[in-house]
Amino acid sequence: MDVGEFWGLIERAVREDPGRARRAGWIQAQLAAREVEEILEFEAHLDDASDRAMTWLMWGAAYRIFGGCSDDGFCYFRTWLMSLGRDTFERLVDDPDALARVPQVRSLAGRVRGDWRADEWPEWEELNYAASEAFEGVRGHGANIYRAVEEHRTKPRLQTLQDEHWNFDDPAETVRRLPQLARLFPDPAAGPLPPVPVSPDGPPVPSDESDDARGGGPVPEIPGQLTIPGLPE
């Protein structure tokens, strides 16, 4: 299974069913009908995609959206990013602040997090288990896909986050690194947001003061984003 087929399975599952558990179940059934090597390759591609999104900047973006984010929550957030489709995933990995333009994220802004429906939370935990359950179904109960996939790999997984660690609770740092998300999900305890700093190496960092950037008007979707059934536009 190459990386294109991996993404094809993810995107088809999302198009065919709005339920996250059912999507993962569909993927599991598809994998269970394949050779063991393909199941291992799916898991390896899943790990690689998750690792690509495993940056401090992306974790800070999830932290801002959720109002806090554990390592488990960040793992489930990264698999949710995959549900947006390959093109959007790649754009967001390159620019996590662009999450502020994703409709499913924008629909959560200005609302009490306790009022978010379970199917609105930007998480897809079940995808993490689809390949392992398919592997157990083929190899028998207790079969360890994680050991098998490491032996199958041609290159090691990322062991640490490669970008700069920063304090997610520092309002000025959040504004500097994630200006759009900071304004879409303001921290009420932080008071008014500080001015957006000017980059010493180029033009001013965009302040996103327009109505669109604050959530007061329509913002274009990221090009290439999948239409996901059952979620608000």
Protein backbone atom coordinates (compact mmCIF):
# COMPACT_ATOMS: atom_id res chain seq x y z
CA MET A 1 0.00 0.00 0.00
CA ASP A 2 1.53 3.31 -1.02
CA VAL A 3 0.83 6.65 0.63
CA GLY A 4 -1.73 7.60 -2.04
CA GLU A 5 -3.80 4.51 -1.31
CA PHE A 6 -3.56 5.23 2.42
CA TRP A 7 -5.03 8.69 1.90
CA GLY A 8 -7.61 7.27 -0.51
CA LEU A 9 -8.96 5.00 2.24
CA ILE A 10 -9.13 7.86 4.74
CA GLU A 11 -10.90 10.20 2.33
CA ARG A 12 -13.37 7.58 1.11
CA ALA A 13 -14.30 6.66 4.70
CA VAL A 14 -14.97 10.33 5.47
CA ARG A 15 -17.11 10.81 2.37
CA GLU A 16 -19.22 7.73 3.00
CA ASP A 17 -20.07 8.10 6.70
CA PRO A 18 -20.33 11.05 9.12
CA GLY A 19 -19.82 8.82 12.17
CA ARG A 20 -16.22 8.67 13.30
CA ALA A 21 -16.45 5.23 14.89
CA ARG A 22 -18.20 3.87 11.79
CA ARG A 23 -15.57 5.41 9.51
CA ALA A 24 -12.84 3.69 11.48
CA GLY A 25 -14.84 0.45 11.40
CA TRP A 26 -15.12 0.70 7.63
CA ILE A 27 -11.36 1.17 7.34
CA GLN A 28 -10.79 -1.77 9.68
CA ALA A 29 -13.02 -3.99 7.49
CA GLN A 30 -11.18 -2.88 4.36
CA LEU A 31 -7.82 -3.70 5.93
CA ALA A 32 -8.98 -7.04 7.34
CA ALA A 33 -9.67 -8.20 3.78
CA ARG A 34 -6.08 -7.45 2.70
CA GLU A 35 -2.71 -9.05 3.14
CA VAL A 36 -0.93 -8.55 6.47
CA GLU A 37 1.76 -6.52 4.74
CA GLU A 38 -0.83 -3.96 3.61
CA ILE A 39 -2.19 -3.64 7.14
CA LEU A 40 1.32 -2.93 8.39
CA GLU A 41 1.88 -0.41 5.61
CA PHE A 42 -1.36 1.41 6.49
CA GLU A 43 -0.23 1.67 10.11
CA ALA A 44 3.19 2.91 9.05
CA HIS A 45 1.63 5.62 6.84
CA LEU A 46 -0.67 6.58 9.71
CA ASP A 47 2.31 6.92 12.05
CA ASP A 48 4.24 8.95 9.49
CA ALA A 49 1.36 11.37 8.94
CA SER A 50 0.83 11.74 12.68
CA ASP A 51 4.54 12.40 13.17
CA ARG A 52 4.53 15.08 10.47
CA ALA A 53 1.87 16.99 12.41
CA MET A 54 3.65 16.46 15.75
CA THR A 55 5.15 19.91 16.25
CA TRP A 56 5.07 22.33 19.14
CA LEU A 57 3.32 24.84 16.91
CA MET A 58 0.55 22.38 16.03
CA TRP A 59 0.25 21.37 19.69
CA GLY A 60 -0.10 25.05 20.56
CA ALA A 61 -2.86 25.37 17.97
CA ALA A 62 -4.75 22.44 19.51
CA TYR A 63 -4.16 23.91 22.97
CA ARG A 64 -5.66 27.22 21.90
CA ILE A 65 -8.72 25.59 20.31
CA PHE A 66 -9.39 23.22 23.23
CA GLY A 67 -8.36 25.60 26.00
CA GLY A 68 -5.73 23.01 27.01
CA CYS A 69 -4.52 19.80 25.36
CA SER A 70 -2.98 16.65 26.82
CA ASP A 71 -0.61 14.41 24.89
CA ASP A 72 -3.45 11.92 24.26
CA GLY A 73 -5.74 14.72 23.12
CA PHE A 74 -3.02 15.95 20.78
CA CYS A 75 -2.66 12.45 19.32
CA TYR A 76 -6.41 12.26 18.60
CA PHE A 77 -6.31 15.80 17.20
CA ARG A 78 -3.62 14.81 14.69
CA THR A 79 -5.72 11.90 13.41
CA TRP A 80 -8.67 14.27 13.14
CA LEU A 81 -6.53 16.48 10.93
CA MET A 82 -6.27 13.53 8.53
CA SER A 83 -10.06 13.44 8.23
CA LEU A 84 -9.88 16.84 6.48
CA GLY A 85 -8.17 15.20 3.49
CA ARG A 86 -4.61 15.00 2.28
CA ASP A 87 -4.41 18.45 0.65
CA THR A 88 -5.78 20.28 3.68
CA PHE A 89 -3.66 18.19 6.05
CA GLU A 90 -0.50 19.16 4.17
CA ARG A 91 -1.43 22.86 4.25
CA LEU A 92 -2.17 22.77 7.97
CA VAL A 93 1.07 20.97 8.78
CA ASP A 94 2.89 23.80 7.03
CA ASP A 95 0.75 26.49 8.68
CA PRO A 96 -1.16 25.42 11.83
CA ASP A 97 -2.59 28.92 12.23
CA ALA A 98 -4.61 28.24 9.07
CA LEU A 99 -6.86 26.08 11.26
CA ALA A 100 -8.65 29.37 11.94
CA ARG A 101 -9.99 29.14 8.36
CA VAL A 102 -11.31 25.57 8.64
CA PRO A 103 -15.13 25.66 8.92
CA GLN A 104 -15.28 22.87 11.51
CA VAL A 105 -12.94 24.88 13.73
CA ARG A 106 -14.62 28.23 13.12
CA SER A 107 -17.99 26.74 14.08
CA LEU A 108 -16.64 26.18 17.62
CA ALA A 109 -15.43 29.74 18.19
CA GLY A 110 -17.35 31.88 20.69
CA ARG A 111 -19.05 28.86 22.26
CA VAL A 112 -18.58 27.31 25.69
CA ARG A 113 -16.48 24.19 25.18
CA GLY A 114 -18.75 22.23 27.48
CA ASP A 115 -21.55 22.81 24.97
CA TRP A 116 -19.65 21.31 22.04
CA ARG A 117 -21.26 18.09 20.85
CA ALA A 118 -19.11 14.96 20.99
CA ASP A 119 -19.05 14.77 17.19
CA GLU A 120 -17.87 18.40 16.96
CA TRP A 121 -14.67 17.92 18.95
CA PRO A 122 -11.66 17.95 16.61
CA GLU A 123 -10.58 14.44 17.56
CA TRP A 124 -10.66 11.04 15.85
CA GLU A 125 -9.40 8.56 18.43
CA GLU A 126 -10.89 5.51 16.71
CA LEU A 127 -8.66 5.80 13.65
CA ASN A 128 -5.68 4.91 15.82
CA TYR A 129 -7.08 1.41 16.39
CA ALA A 130 -8.37 0.46 12.94
CA ALA A 131 -5.19 -1.25 11.72
CA SER A 132 -4.38 -2.90 15.07
CA GLU A 133 -7.85 -4.45 15.27
CA ALA A 134 -7.65 -5.60 11.66
CA PHE A 135 -4.23 -7.11 12.43
CA GLU A 136 -5.60 -8.98 15.45
CA GLY A 137 -8.47 -10.26 13.34
CA VAL A 138 -6.04 -11.74 10.85
CA ARG A 139 -3.26 -12.91 13.19
CA GLY A 140 -5.29 -13.73 16.28
CA HIS A 141 -6.10 -12.13 19.61
CA GLY A 142 -3.15 -10.41 21.23
CA ALA A 143 -1.14 -10.02 18.02
CA ASN A 144 1.04 -6.92 18.45
CA ILE A 145 0.91 -4.70 15.37
CA TYR A 146 3.21 -2.12 16.89
CA ARG A 147 6.15 -4.50 17.19
CA ALA A 148 5.40 -5.91 13.74
CA VAL A 149 5.22 -2.51 12.08
CA GLU A 150 8.51 -1.40 13.60
CA GLU A 151 10.17 -4.50 12.17
CA HIS A 152 8.50 -3.77 8.81
CA ARG A 153 9.65 -0.14 8.67
CA THR A 154 12.41 0.98 6.34
CA LYS A 155 13.12 4.16 8.36
CA PRO A 156 12.70 4.95 12.08
CA ARG A 157 9.90 7.07 13.44
CA LEU A 158 10.38 10.64 14.62
CA GLN A 159 11.49 10.50 18.25
CA THR A 160 11.05 14.13 19.28
CA LEU A 161 9.35 17.33 18.22
CA GLN A 162 11.73 19.16 15.93
CA ASP A 163 10.57 22.77 16.22
CA GLU A 164 10.94 25.27 19.05
CA HIS A 165 9.26 24.57 22.37
CA TRP A 166 7.26 27.52 23.70
CA ASN A 167 4.84 28.41 26.49
CA PHE A 168 1.27 27.87 25.29
CA ASP A 169 -0.05 29.95 28.20
CA ASP A 170 1.92 33.06 27.20
CA PRO A 171 -0.59 35.36 25.44
CA ALA A 172 2.08 37.38 23.62
CA GLU A 173 3.74 34.22 22.27
CA THR A 174 0.39 32.83 21.14
CA VAL A 175 -0.43 36.05 19.29
CA ARG A 176 3.00 36.07 17.68
CA ARG A 177 2.94 32.44 16.57
CA LEU A 178 -0.80 31.84 16.01
CA PRO A 179 -2.38 35.27 15.43
CA GLN A 180 -5.58 34.07 13.74
CA LEU A 181 -6.32 31.34 16.29
CA ALA A 182 -5.50 33.67 19.19
CA ARG A 183 -8.19 36.05 18.00
CA LEU A 184 -10.69 33.36 17.11
CA PHE A 185 -10.29 31.71 20.54
CA PRO A 186 -9.30 34.54 22.91
CA ASP A 187 -8.18 33.75 26.45
CA PRO A 188 -10.56 35.69 28.74
CA ALA A 189 -8.07 35.54 31.62
CA ALA A 190 -5.39 37.22 29.55
CA GLY A 191 -7.24 40.48 29.01
CA PRO A 192 -6.87 42.44 25.76
CA LEU A 193 -4.50 40.89 23.29
CA PRO A 194 -1.11 42.61 23.03
CA PRO A 195 -0.14 44.30 19.78
CA VAL A 196 1.04 41.95 17.07
CA PRO A 197 4.84 42.30 16.87
CA VAL A 198 6.73 43.40 13.81
CA SER A 199 9.09 40.82 12.35
CA PRO A 200 12.69 42.10 12.31
CA ASP A 201 13.30 40.26 9.04
CA GLY A 202 10.36 41.36 7.00
CA PRO A 203 6.98 43.10 6.91
CA PRO A 204 4.70 43.24 9.96
CA VAL A 205 3.13 39.96 11.01
CA PRO A 206 -0.52 40.10 9.84
CA SER A 207 -2.78 41.39 12.60
CA ASP A 208 -5.92 39.79 11.12
CA GLU A 209 -8.02 42.67 12.42
CA SER A 210 -10.61 42.32 9.70
CA ASP A 211 -14.10 41.04 10.49
CA ASP A 212 -13.33 37.91 8.52
CA ALA A 213 -10.27 37.06 10.60
CA ARG A 214 -12.14 37.62 13.90
CA GLY A 215 -15.02 35.40 12.83
CA GLY A 216 -17.38 38.25 11.98
CA GLY A 217 -17.77 37.34 8.32
CA PRO A 218 -17.23 34.58 5.82
CA VAL A 219 -13.70 33.29 5.42
CA PRO A 220 -12.83 31.15 2.42
CA GLU A 221 -12.17 27.51 3.08
CA ILE A 222 -8.71 26.11 2.57
CA PRO A 223 -8.49 24.91 -1.03
CA GLY A 224 -8.84 21.17 -1.47
CA GLN A 225 -10.69 20.56 1.78
CA LEU A 226 -13.02 17.58 1.81
CA THR A 227 -16.72 18.09 2.39
CA ILE A 228 -17.43 16.05 5.50
CA PRO A 229 -21.00 14.75 5.93
CA GLY A 230 -22.67 15.48 9.25
CA LEU A 231 -20.47 18.44 10.19
CA PRO A 232 -21.41 22.12 9.96
CA GLU A 233 -20.22 24.03 6.91
